[in-house]
Structures are given as structure tokens and as C-alpha cells.
Amino acid sequence: MTLLTLAIPVALLVAAGAVVAFIWAVRTDQFEDLDTPQRRMLLDDPPERPKP
């Protein structure tokens, strides 16, 4: 029973931290552009070949 008195507040603190981190990420536009990073590697120029 004493373990629950410690585990429940710790779990609530971890959950509150996750909510705060999510709200911070949304407010700082971390989720604004999810498509470009995956396509950027396809749009890069190919490496130049060394001239002999």
C-alpha cells in the first residue's frame, strides 16, 4: 500500500511532464512541416564526380 502512495504521484508527474512537453512542441511549431524533411533527400544534387 505504501508503494502506491509513491507510485501514483510519480506517474502523475510524468504524465504532466508529457503534457507540458507536447504543449511546448505545438506552440513552438515543431509539427508545422512534417513532409519536407523526408523529401529533401530526394531533391539534393548528386555528388560531383572527380575529374581525372
Protein backbone atom coordinates (compact mmCIF):
# COMPACT_ATOMS: atom_id res chain seq x y z
CA MET A 1 0.00 0.00 0.00
CA THR A 2 2.86 2.40 0.73
CA LEU A 3 4.22 1.77 -2.74
CA LEU A 4 1.03 3.16 -4.25
CA THR A 5 1.38 6.37 -2.27
CA LEU A 6 4.69 6.90 -4.04
CA ALA A 7 3.91 5.44 -7.47
CA ILE A 8 0.72 7.39 -8.16
CA PRO A 9 2.23 10.88 -7.64
CA VAL A 10 5.29 9.92 -9.68
CA ALA A 11 3.06 8.68 -12.51
CA LEU A 12 1.03 11.90 -12.37
CA LEU A 13 4.21 13.99 -12.54
CA VAL A 14 5.46 12.04 -15.55
CA ALA A 15 2.11 12.42 -17.31
CA ALA A 16 2.02 16.15 -16.54
CA GLY A 17 5.55 16.49 -17.92
CA ALA A 18 4.49 14.77 -21.13
CA VAL A 19 1.52 17.12 -21.50
CA VAL A 20 3.73 20.17 -20.90
CA ALA A 21 6.27 18.91 -23.44
CA PHE A 22 3.52 18.36 -26.02
CA ILE A 23 2.06 21.83 -25.47
CA TRP A 24 5.53 23.37 -25.79
CA ALA A 25 6.14 21.48 -29.05
CA VAL A 26 2.84 22.66 -30.52
CA ARG A 27 3.38 26.28 -29.52
CA THR A 28 6.90 26.40 -30.97
CA ASP A 29 5.73 24.96 -34.34
CA GLN A 30 7.62 21.69 -34.05
CA PHE A 31 4.86 19.90 -36.01
CA GLU A 32 4.47 22.51 -38.75
CA ASP A 33 6.35 20.83 -41.62
CA LEU A 34 6.34 17.05 -41.46
CA ASP A 35 6.72 16.30 -45.20
CA THR A 36 9.76 18.30 -46.33
CA PRO A 37 12.49 16.51 -44.32
CA GLN A 38 11.56 13.19 -45.90
CA ARG A 39 11.56 14.64 -49.42
CA ARG A 40 14.68 16.75 -49.01
CA MET A 41 16.99 13.80 -49.56
CA LEU A 42 15.33 13.13 -52.91
CA LEU A 43 15.82 16.72 -54.07
CA ASP A 44 19.52 17.05 -53.22
CA ASP A 45 22.01 17.37 -56.04
CA PRO A 46 24.01 14.23 -56.79
CA PRO A 47 27.66 14.33 -55.72
CA GLU A 48 30.11 15.56 -58.35
CA ARG A 49 32.47 13.05 -59.87
CA PRO A 50 36.16 13.82 -59.56
CA LYS A 51 37.80 14.89 -62.82
CA PRO A 52 40.77 12.78 -63.89
